[in-house]
């Protein structure tokens, strides 16, 4: 399997090369040359697989430059109950992503049982093991530069801390995360972890990371890699739980399922799009945004209009406070028939802060064929959804999952199961849960005093030169 850039000006590469490289040299995102497609008979066999077996069956289609025995060992090492044990009462950690049924036909997919209580662990834990394996095989090292709006940073740091040959430089907005999220990152004192709090919003952090990645000379000299969802391996790992959820919610392959996905950077729901392209019987992919509704605006109007920092809102679902959905380029590439020249023209406008009107280009009708619909939530709806879920089902959900559930219910259809992706445990958003239901959510005992731990963090202006200087000084070259 070879991988190509959405911008069409980078040479084809194998999985392990793009694993370590992140962003393509031409500024695009990597995708496989084609999507494998499972037959009905193959889906029937997969229906009886464990999570680890399912992950191997799917990843094997995309990874042919790691020996099968090694890939299986890495998957088995990653997806063990020991790593995913923060489950609700009655759930089995061995299921890795157990389904929680609220009522017949309405489910939450529990993706937040890993070490940082967020769905990002599902891919990041595997990424850490893949990185360490491949770097050892090549006798190389890597310096990861990433941006986070809340959960990616801690998931990456927990996955990479202590790993040989890896340093992590993680940027986050200085005021854009909850105290719990900040503490998860800043309390790590491992010598290979560097936290950088940027005086700006997430999009400033993301722009700084892209600027570093687009500087080919700097990237090569300092061996810069990426763990944000621009890294294909992140999206690939997330495809697995769509299959697992589908099989858990259905009895046979003739049934369809709709998925409601809280969406900020479009990586999580992009994995659902690819699962659908691989033959998974998905009816609707429901993109749920918060007040930062760039994606909802696109799916309603056909206009993709990224906003600047001044028009990005701080909300009570902060991990989705994103106004430039970097993974959207992957879907757009499929939407335009994999026409790289067209994507280059479009994203030249996006990079200048301009809008792209897919409708006027005659491309918006194609969206319906991919099953996408969308909606936006806000603080009042978020709080009401958390209250209603607690009152009706006795289940406490976090703010992002509430956005997914609120929007998902608007598109629920009789006879088609609706699976809402639970993206974090409510412990990460105590103040919002307190407001919604009048009490704080429970948290794992080992995280009881997290906010009181000493912190290690560098404060920085949104300055690319300053970031490059800091990276160079820490690496010592």
Protein backbone atom coordinates (compact mmCIF):
# COMPACT_ATOMS: atom_id res chain seq x y z
CA UNK A 1 0.00 0.00 0.00
CA UNK A 2 1.39 3.38 -1.04
CA UNK A 3 0.27 6.78 0.22
CA UNK A 4 -0.27 9.97 -1.74
CA UNK A 5 -0.66 13.62 -0.74
CA UNK A 6 -3.94 15.46 -1.10
CA UNK A 7 -1.96 18.18 -2.90
CA UNK A 8 -0.43 15.76 -5.40
CA UNK A 9 3.13 17.09 -5.41
CA UNK A 10 4.87 14.66 -3.05
CA UNK A 11 6.22 11.28 -4.05
CA UNK A 12 4.36 8.15 -3.03
CA UNK A 13 5.51 6.67 0.27
CA UNK A 14 5.05 3.61 2.43
CA UNK A 15 3.26 3.51 5.77
CA UNK A 16 6.32 3.70 8.02
CA UNK A 17 7.69 6.68 6.09
CA UNK A 18 4.51 8.71 6.49
CA UNK A 19 4.16 7.50 10.09
CA UNK A 20 7.31 9.39 11.02
CA UNK A 21 6.83 12.30 8.61
CA UNK A 22 3.32 13.53 9.44
CA UNK A 23 2.50 16.34 7.01
CA UNK A 24 3.46 15.70 3.37
CA UNK A 25 6.34 17.82 1.98
CA UNK A 26 3.93 19.70 -0.30
CA UNK A 27 1.80 20.73 2.68
CA UNK A 28 -0.94 18.18 2.03
CA UNK A 29 -2.21 15.24 4.06
CA UNK A 30 -1.47 11.63 3.26
CA UNK A 31 -4.16 9.17 2.18
CA UNK A 32 -3.89 5.65 0.77
CA UNK A 33 -3.97 5.34 -3.00
CA UNK A 34 -7.27 3.47 -2.61
CA UNK A 35 -9.51 2.23 0.19
CA UNK A 36 -9.76 -1.54 0.68
CA UNK A 37 -13.36 -2.78 0.60
CA UNK A 38 -14.73 -5.63 2.74
CA UNK A 39 -17.31 -7.99 1.27
CA UNK A 40 -20.41 -9.13 3.11
CA UNK A 41 -18.74 -12.47 3.81
CA UNK A 42 -15.67 -10.74 5.26
CA UNK A 43 -17.84 -8.53 7.46
CA UNK A 44 -19.58 -11.65 8.78
CA UNK A 45 -16.23 -13.12 9.80
CA UNK A 46 -15.17 -9.83 11.38
CA UNK A 47 -18.40 -9.68 13.40
CA UNK A 48 -17.05 -12.37 15.73
CA UNK A 49 -13.63 -10.82 16.26
CA UNK A 50 -12.21 -9.31 19.44
CA UNK A 51 -11.02 -5.69 19.34
CA UNK A 52 -7.40 -6.79 18.87
CA UNK A 53 -8.32 -9.18 16.07
CA UNK A 54 -10.42 -6.52 14.38
CA UNK A 55 -7.62 -3.98 14.62
CA UNK A 56 -5.19 -6.42 13.01
CA UNK A 57 -7.63 -7.25 10.19
CA UNK A 58 -8.12 -3.56 9.37
CA UNK A 59 -4.57 -2.28 9.88
CA UNK A 60 -3.14 -5.15 7.83
CA UNK A 61 -4.94 -3.71 4.79
CA UNK A 62 -2.95 -0.49 5.09
CA UNK A 63 0.39 -1.56 6.61
CA UNK A 64 2.58 -3.83 4.51
CA UNK A 65 6.04 -2.62 5.56
CA UNK A 66 5.88 -3.96 9.11
CA UNK A 67 6.06 -7.76 9.39
CA UNK A 68 2.65 -9.21 10.26
CA UNK A 69 3.90 -10.83 13.48
CA UNK A 70 5.38 -7.54 14.66
CA UNK A 71 2.23 -5.59 13.79
CA UNK A 72 0.10 -8.09 15.68
CA UNK A 73 2.40 -7.86 18.69
CA UNK A 74 2.19 -4.05 18.72
CA UNK A 75 -1.61 -4.18 18.48
CA UNK A 76 -1.88 -6.77 21.24
CA UNK A 77 0.45 -4.69 23.44
CA UNK A 78 -1.72 -1.61 22.90
CA UNK A 79 -5.27 -2.89 23.24
CA UNK A 80 -5.24 -4.68 26.59
CA UNK A 81 -7.68 -4.27 29.46
CA UNK A 82 -4.80 -3.01 31.57
CA UNK A 83 -4.55 0.10 29.37
CA UNK A 84 -8.33 0.68 29.06
CA UNK A 85 -9.76 0.02 32.51
CA UNK A 86 -11.69 3.21 33.35
CA UNK A 87 -15.00 1.61 32.42
CA UNK A 88 -18.44 2.15 33.87
CA UNK A 89 -19.86 -0.40 36.26
CA UNK A 90 -20.98 -3.51 34.38
CA UNK A 91 -18.73 -2.90 31.38
CA UNK A 92 -15.93 -5.29 30.44
CA UNK A 93 -12.49 -3.67 29.95
CA UNK A 94 -11.61 -6.47 27.53
CA UNK A 95 -14.15 -4.99 25.11
CA UNK A 96 -11.85 -1.92 24.88
CA UNK A 97 -14.70 0.22 23.45
CA UNK A 98 -17.86 -1.19 25.07
CA UNK A 99 -21.29 -0.03 23.93
CA UNK A 100 -23.50 1.59 26.58
CA UNK A 101 -27.19 1.28 25.66
CA UNK A 102 -29.30 4.19 26.91
CA UNK A 103 -32.48 2.74 25.41
CA UNK A 104 -33.20 0.37 22.51
CA UNK A 105 -31.57 1.77 19.41
CA UNK A 106 -29.69 4.55 21.25
CA UNK A 107 -26.12 3.90 22.37
CA UNK A 108 -22.98 5.60 23.61
CA UNK A 109 -19.69 4.21 22.33
CA UNK A 110 -17.32 4.30 25.31
CA UNK A 111 -14.04 5.55 23.86
CA UNK A 112 -12.69 7.19 27.00
CA UNK A 113 -11.45 4.30 29.11
CA UNK A 114 -7.74 4.90 28.47
CA UNK A 115 -5.12 6.59 30.63
CA UNK A 116 -6.17 10.20 29.89
CA UNK A 117 -9.95 9.58 29.87
CA UNK A 118 -10.37 10.73 26.26
CA UNK A 119 -10.95 9.02 22.91
CA UNK A 120 -7.56 10.24 21.69
CA UNK A 121 -5.98 7.38 23.70
CA UNK A 122 -7.51 4.88 21.29
CA UNK A 123 -5.12 5.95 18.54
CA UNK A 124 -2.33 7.61 20.48
CA UNK A 125 -1.39 4.56 22.53
CA UNK A 126 -0.90 2.61 19.30
CA UNK A 127 0.99 5.50 17.75
CA UNK A 128 3.45 5.55 20.66
CA UNK A 129 4.20 1.86 20.21
CA UNK A 130 4.50 2.19 16.42
CA UNK A 131 6.88 5.14 16.76
CA UNK A 132 9.13 3.39 19.25
CA UNK A 133 9.21 0.23 17.12
CA UNK A 134 10.05 1.96 13.86
CA UNK A 135 12.61 4.33 15.37
CA UNK A 136 14.43 1.40 16.97
CA UNK A 137 14.36 -0.46 13.66
CA UNK A 138 15.89 2.55 11.88
CA UNK A 139 18.19 3.51 14.77
CA UNK A 140 16.76 7.03 14.62
CA UNK A 141 15.08 9.56 16.90
CA UNK A 142 12.19 11.99 16.39
CA UNK A 143 11.00 15.28 17.83
CA UNK A 144 7.23 15.51 17.83
CA UNK A 145 5.67 18.95 17.57
CA UNK A 146 1.92 19.06 18.15
CA UNK A 147 -0.99 21.30 19.08
CA UNK A 148 -3.90 20.53 21.36
CA UNK A 149 -7.22 22.11 22.24
CA UNK A 150 -7.59 19.85 25.24
CA UNK A 151 -7.23 16.09 24.85
CA UNK A 152 -4.70 15.37 22.09
CA UNK A 153 -1.84 16.79 24.13
CA UNK A 154 -2.26 14.68 27.23
CA UNK A 155 -2.99 11.55 25.17
CA UNK A 156 0.18 12.09 23.13
CA UNK A 157 2.31 12.80 26.16
CA UNK A 158 1.05 9.80 28.11
CA UNK A 159 1.63 7.61 25.05
CA UNK A 160 5.15 8.90 24.40
CA UNK A 161 6.58 9.52 27.87
CA UNK A 162 9.45 7.19 28.58
CA UNK A 163 9.63 6.05 24.95
CA UNK A 164 13.14 5.73 23.54
CA UNK A 165 14.19 8.13 20.79
CA UNK A 166 11.18 10.46 21.18
CA UNK A 167 10.77 14.03 22.43
CA UNK A 168 7.37 15.76 22.51
CA UNK A 169 6.85 19.53 22.18
CA UNK A 170 3.13 20.16 22.77
CA UNK A 171 1.48 23.54 22.22
CA UNK A 172 -1.79 24.48 23.92
CA UNK A 173 -3.75 27.75 24.32
CA UNK A 174 -2.88 29.35 27.63
CA UNK A 175 -6.56 29.74 28.62
CA UNK A 176 -8.25 27.22 26.36
CA UNK A 177 -8.40 24.10 28.53
CA UNK A 178 -10.02 23.03 31.79
CA UNK A 179 -7.91 22.85 34.98
CA UNK A 180 -8.04 19.05 34.76
CA UNK A 181 -6.77 19.04 31.17
CA UNK A 182 -3.98 21.49 32.00
CA UNK A 183 -2.94 19.45 35.02
CA UNK A 184 -2.83 16.22 33.04
CA UNK A 185 -0.22 17.75 30.73
CA UNK A 186 1.69 20.20 32.87
CA UNK A 187 2.18 17.77 35.77
CA UNK A 188 4.29 15.47 33.58
CA UNK A 189 7.95 15.97 34.40
CA UNK A 190 9.43 13.33 32.12
CA UNK A 191 12.60 14.72 30.49
CA UNK A 192 11.30 13.99 26.97
CA UNK A 193 8.08 16.02 27.43
CA UNK A 194 7.95 19.79 26.79
CA UNK A 195 4.72 21.74 27.35
CA UNK A 196 4.31 25.14 25.70
CA UNK A 197 1.34 27.35 26.63
CA UNK A 198 0.68 29.81 23.79
CA UNK A 199 -0.88 33.23 24.39
CA UNK A 200 -3.65 32.66 21.87
CA UNK A 201 -6.29 30.16 20.76
CA UNK A 202 -5.90 26.63 19.44
CA UNK A 203 -5.79 27.75 15.83
CA UNK A 204 -2.70 29.86 16.66
CA UNK A 205 -1.07 26.72 18.07
CA UNK A 206 -2.06 24.70 15.02
CA UNK A 207 -0.74 27.37 12.65
CA UNK A 208 2.61 27.39 14.49
CA UNK A 209 2.89 23.61 14.20
CA UNK A 210 2.07 23.71 10.49
CA UNK A 211 4.65 26.46 9.94
CA UNK A 212 7.32 24.30 11.59
CA UNK A 213 6.27 21.27 9.54
CA UNK A 214 6.29 23.30 6.31
CA UNK A 215 9.88 24.47 6.89
CA UNK A 216 11.56 21.57 5.10
CA UNK A 217 15.09 22.48 6.19
CA UNK A 218 14.17 22.88 9.87
CA UNK A 219 12.03 19.73 9.77
CA UNK A 220 14.89 17.68 8.33
CA UNK A 221 17.59 19.08 10.62
CA UNK A 222 15.60 18.57 13.81
CA UNK A 223 13.76 15.42 12.71
CA UNK A 224 10.29 16.87 13.26
CA UNK A 225 7.28 14.53 13.34
CA UNK A 226 3.59 14.88 14.14
CA UNK A 227 1.01 13.15 16.29
CA UNK A 228 -1.94 15.42 15.59
CA UNK A 229 -4.67 13.97 13.43
CA UNK A 230 -2.76 15.16 10.38
CA UNK A 231 -0.84 11.90 10.99
CA UNK A 232 -2.56 9.17 8.96
CA UNK A 233 -1.85 6.51 11.60
CA UNK A 234 -4.12 8.39 14.03
CA UNK A 235 -7.05 8.24 11.63
CA UNK A 236 -6.30 4.63 10.73
CA UNK A 237 -6.45 3.49 14.35
CA UNK A 238 -9.80 5.24 14.81
CA UNK A 239 -11.42 3.36 11.93
CA UNK A 240 -11.36 0.21 14.06
CA UNK A 241 -13.90 1.32 16.65
CA UNK A 242 -16.50 2.19 14.02
CA UNK A 243 -16.43 -1.46 12.94
CA UNK A 244 -16.51 -2.65 16.57
CA UNK A 245 -19.50 -0.40 17.35
CA UNK A 246 -21.39 -1.42 14.23
CA UNK A 247 -21.11 -5.12 15.07
CA UNK A 248 -22.15 -4.47 18.69
CA UNK A 249 -25.23 -2.47 17.63
CA UNK A 250 -26.51 -4.87 14.94
CA UNK A 251 -27.37 -8.53 14.42
CA UNK A 252 -26.56 -8.82 10.72
CA UNK A 253 -24.92 -6.92 7.87
CA UNK A 254 -28.23 -5.93 6.28
CA UNK A 255 -28.77 -3.40 9.07
CA UNK A 256 -27.43 0.13 8.95
CA UNK A 257 -26.19 2.33 11.80
CA UNK A 258 -25.86 6.10 12.13
CA UNK A 259 -23.00 7.68 14.08
CA UNK A 260 -23.13 11.05 15.82
CA UNK A 261 -19.63 12.45 16.25
CA UNK A 262 -18.56 15.57 18.19
CA UNK A 263 -16.40 17.30 15.58
CA UNK A 264 -13.70 19.94 15.84
CA UNK A 265 -10.70 19.01 13.71
CA UNK A 266 -12.67 16.43 11.63
CA UNK A 267 -10.26 13.58 12.38
CA UNK A 268 -12.67 11.38 14.34
CA UNK A 269 -15.50 11.61 11.84
CA UNK A 270 -13.05 11.30 8.93
CA UNK A 271 -12.29 7.81 10.27
CA UNK A 272 -16.02 7.09 10.02
CA UNK A 273 -16.05 8.31 6.42
CA UNK A 274 -13.22 5.92 5.57
CA UNK A 275 -14.95 3.05 7.39
CA UNK A 276 -17.99 3.71 5.20
CA UNK A 277 -15.80 3.73 2.09
CA UNK A 278 -14.45 0.34 3.20
CA UNK A 279 -17.94 -1.14 3.12
CA UNK A 280 -19.24 -0.63 6.64
CA UNK A 281 -23.05 -0.18 6.36
CA UNK A 282 -23.29 3.34 7.77
CA UNK A 283 -26.46 5.32 7.13
CA UNK A 284 -25.60 8.80 8.39
CA UNK A 285 -22.43 10.39 9.71
CA UNK A 286 -23.68 13.21 11.91
CA UNK A 287 -21.12 15.96 12.52
CA UNK A 288 -21.89 17.81 15.77
CA UNK A 289 -20.13 21.11 16.42
CA UNK A 290 -20.30 23.61 19.24
CA UNK A 291 -20.52 27.38 18.81
CA UNK A 292 -17.48 27.15 16.54
CA UNK A 293 -19.61 25.88 13.70
CA UNK A 294 -17.32 25.96 10.65
CA UNK A 295 -18.10 22.34 9.81
CA UNK A 296 -21.83 22.72 10.37
CA UNK A 297 -21.84 25.77 8.11
CA UNK A 298 -20.18 23.71 5.38
CA UNK A 299 -22.59 20.78 5.59
CA UNK A 300 -25.57 23.17 5.58
CA UNK A 301 -24.43 25.61 2.90
CA UNK A 302 -21.49 24.15 1.00
CA UNK A 303 -19.20 26.99 2.10
CA UNK A 304 -16.04 26.10 4.03
CA UNK A 305 -15.17 29.31 5.88
CA UNK A 306 -12.38 29.03 8.48
CA UNK A 307 -12.40 31.82 11.07
CA UNK A 308 -9.52 33.71 12.62
CA UNK A 309 -8.57 33.79 16.31
CA UNK A 310 -10.79 36.81 16.97
CA UNK A 311 -13.83 34.81 15.85
CA UNK A 312 -13.06 31.57 17.68
CA UNK A 313 -15.16 31.22 20.81
CA UNK A 314 -14.14 29.77 24.16
CA UNK A 315 -16.90 27.31 25.07
CA UNK A 316 -17.79 24.68 27.64
CA UNK A 317 -16.79 21.98 25.13
CA UNK A 318 -13.27 23.39 24.68
CA UNK A 319 -11.70 20.50 22.77
CA UNK A 320 -13.87 21.56 19.81
CA UNK A 321 -12.97 25.25 19.96
CA UNK A 322 -11.46 24.96 16.50
CA UNK A 323 -12.15 27.08 13.43
CA UNK A 324 -9.75 25.44 10.96
CA UNK A 325 -10.56 21.75 10.67
CA UNK A 326 -7.25 20.45 9.35
CA UNK A 327 -8.55 16.93 8.58
CA UNK A 328 -11.35 18.31 6.43
CA UNK A 329 -8.86 18.40 3.56
CA UNK A 330 -8.88 14.59 3.46
CA UNK A 331 -12.64 14.47 2.97
CA UNK A 332 -12.52 17.33 0.49
CA UNK A 333 -10.00 15.34 -1.55
CA UNK A 334 -12.49 12.50 -1.91
CA UNK A 335 -15.30 14.98 -2.50
CA UNK A 336 -13.56 16.52 -5.53
CA UNK A 337 -12.84 13.10 -7.04
CA UNK A 338 -9.26 13.03 -5.79
CA UNK A 339 -8.33 15.97 -7.99
CA UNK A 340 -5.12 17.21 -6.29
CA UNK A 341 -4.84 20.31 -8.47
CA UNK A 342 -8.28 21.41 -7.35
CA UNK A 343 -7.37 20.86 -3.69
CA UNK A 344 -4.20 22.92 -4.14
CA UNK A 345 -6.24 25.81 -5.52
CA UNK A 346 -8.86 25.54 -2.78
CA UNK A 347 -6.39 25.31 0.10
CA UNK A 348 -4.30 28.18 -1.23
CA UNK A 349 -7.43 30.22 -0.50
CA UNK A 350 -7.98 28.54 2.87
CA UNK A 351 -4.38 29.26 3.87
CA UNK A 352 -5.02 32.93 3.04
CA UNK A 353 -8.05 32.90 5.30
CA UNK A 354 -10.55 32.90 2.44
CA UNK A 355 -13.71 30.82 2.09
CA UNK A 356 -14.23 28.08 -0.49
CA UNK A 357 -17.73 27.66 -1.93
CA UNK A 358 -18.16 24.01 -2.95
CA UNK A 359 -21.73 24.71 -4.03
CA UNK A 360 -20.79 27.28 -6.63
CA UNK A 361 -18.20 24.82 -7.95
CA UNK A 362 -20.90 22.20 -8.47
CA UNK A 363 -19.47 19.87 -5.82
CA UNK A 364 -21.88 20.17 -2.92
CA UNK A 365 -24.39 17.60 -4.17
CA UNK A 366 -21.68 14.96 -3.77
CA UNK A 367 -21.86 15.38 0.01
CA UNK A 368 -25.22 13.60 0.19
CA UNK A 369 -23.69 10.49 -1.34
CA UNK A 370 -21.25 10.27 1.55
CA UNK A 371 -24.02 10.30 4.15
CA UNK A 372 -23.02 13.45 6.01
CA UNK A 373 -25.42 15.70 7.92
CA UNK A 374 -24.64 18.17 10.69
CA UNK A 375 -25.85 20.44 13.45
CA UNK A 376 -24.49 22.84 16.06
CA UNK A 377 -25.01 22.91 19.81
CA UNK A 378 -24.50 25.70 22.33
CA UNK A 379 -24.00 26.06 26.07
CA UNK A 380 -27.67 26.03 27.02
CA UNK A 381 -28.41 22.96 24.88
CA UNK A 382 -25.26 21.28 26.21
CA UNK A 383 -26.29 21.76 29.83
CA UNK A 384 -29.84 20.61 29.11
CA UNK A 385 -28.62 17.47 27.34
CA UNK A 386 -26.37 16.57 30.28
CA UNK A 387 -29.30 17.06 32.68
CA UNK A 388 -31.72 15.09 30.55
CA UNK A 389 -29.30 12.19 30.10
CA UNK A 390 -28.69 12.04 33.84
CA UNK A 391 -32.41 12.28 34.69
CA UNK A 392 -33.56 9.77 32.07
CA UNK A 393 -30.78 7.20 32.19
CA UNK A 394 -28.72 7.89 35.31
CA UNK A 395 -25.67 8.45 33.08
CA UNK A 396 -23.37 11.47 33.33
CA UNK A 397 -21.80 12.53 30.04
CA UNK A 398 -19.20 15.16 29.27
CA UNK A 399 -19.85 18.37 27.37
CA UNK A 400 -18.55 17.20 23.98
CA UNK A 401 -20.54 13.99 24.10
CA UNK A 402 -23.56 16.13 25.00
CA UNK A 403 -23.08 18.08 21.77
CA UNK A 404 -22.97 14.79 19.87
CA UNK A 405 -26.09 13.45 21.56
CA UNK A 406 -28.04 16.70 21.19
CA UNK A 407 -27.36 16.95 17.46
CA UNK A 408 -27.57 13.20 16.86
CA UNK A 409 -31.09 12.94 18.23
CA UNK A 410 -32.30 15.43 15.63
CA UNK A 411 -31.39 12.95 12.91
CA UNK A 412 -32.47 9.77 14.65
CA UNK A 413 -34.59 7.49 12.46
CA UNK A 414 -36.86 4.59 13.45
CA UNK A 415 -35.25 1.22 12.98
CA UNK A 416 -31.72 2.56 12.55
CA UNK A 417 -29.54 2.39 15.66
CA UNK A 418 -27.88 5.68 16.63
CA UNK A 419 -24.42 5.42 18.16
CA UNK A 420 -23.05 8.57 19.79
CA UNK A 421 -19.28 8.61 20.19
CA UNK A 422 -18.42 9.41 23.80
CA UNK A 423 -15.25 11.42 23.47
CA UNK A 424 -14.24 12.01 27.11
CA UNK A 425 -15.23 11.15 30.64
CA UNK A 426 -17.07 13.91 32.54
CA UNK A 427 -14.31 14.11 35.20
CA UNK A 428 -12.34 16.28 32.76
CA UNK A 429 -15.02 19.01 32.85
CA UNK A 430 -16.04 19.33 36.49
CA UNK A 431 -17.27 22.93 36.43
CA UNK A 432 -19.64 22.30 33.52
CA UNK A 433 -21.02 19.11 35.07
CA UNK A 434 -21.51 20.93 38.38
CA UNK A 435 -23.51 23.57 36.54
CA UNK A 436 -25.60 21.03 34.67
CA UNK A 437 -26.59 18.58 37.43
CA UNK A 438 -25.57 20.32 40.66
CA UNK A 439 -22.80 17.89 41.55
CA UNK A 440 -19.28 17.08 40.50
CA UNK A 441 -18.67 13.93 38.46
CA UNK A 442 -16.67 11.10 39.95
CA UNK A 443 -13.07 10.64 38.94
CA UNK A 444 -10.61 7.73 39.22
CA UNK A 445 -8.97 7.59 42.64
CA UNK A 446 -5.46 7.81 41.15
CA UNK A 447 -6.34 11.22 39.67
CA UNK A 448 -7.87 12.67 42.84
CA UNK A 449 -5.21 15.36 43.47
CA UNK A 450 -4.11 15.94 39.90
CA UNK A 451 -4.53 19.73 39.93
CA UNK A 452 -2.31 20.08 43.02
CA UNK A 453 0.75 18.49 41.41
CA UNK A 454 3.78 20.67 40.49
CA UNK A 455 3.76 21.95 36.93
CA UNK A 456 6.34 22.19 34.15
CA UNK A 457 5.30 24.54 31.31
CA UNK A 458 6.82 27.24 29.10
CA UNK A 459 4.71 30.35 28.28
CA UNK A 460 5.16 31.67 24.74
CA UNK A 461 3.69 34.24 22.35
CA UNK A 462 2.23 32.91 19.06
CA UNK A 463 5.62 33.38 17.37
CA UNK A 464 6.98 30.72 15.00
CA UNK A 465 10.56 31.97 15.29
CA UNK A 466 10.38 31.77 19.08
CA UNK A 467 9.02 28.23 18.85
CA UNK A 468 11.82 27.14 16.51
CA UNK A 469 14.39 28.72 18.82
CA UNK A 470 12.98 26.93 21.83
CA UNK A 471 12.95 23.55 20.04
CA UNK A 472 16.52 24.01 18.85
CA UNK A 473 17.72 25.00 22.32
CA UNK A 474 16.16 21.96 23.97
CA UNK A 475 17.47 19.54 21.36
CA UNK A 476 20.91 21.11 21.60
CA UNK A 477 21.91 21.31 17.95
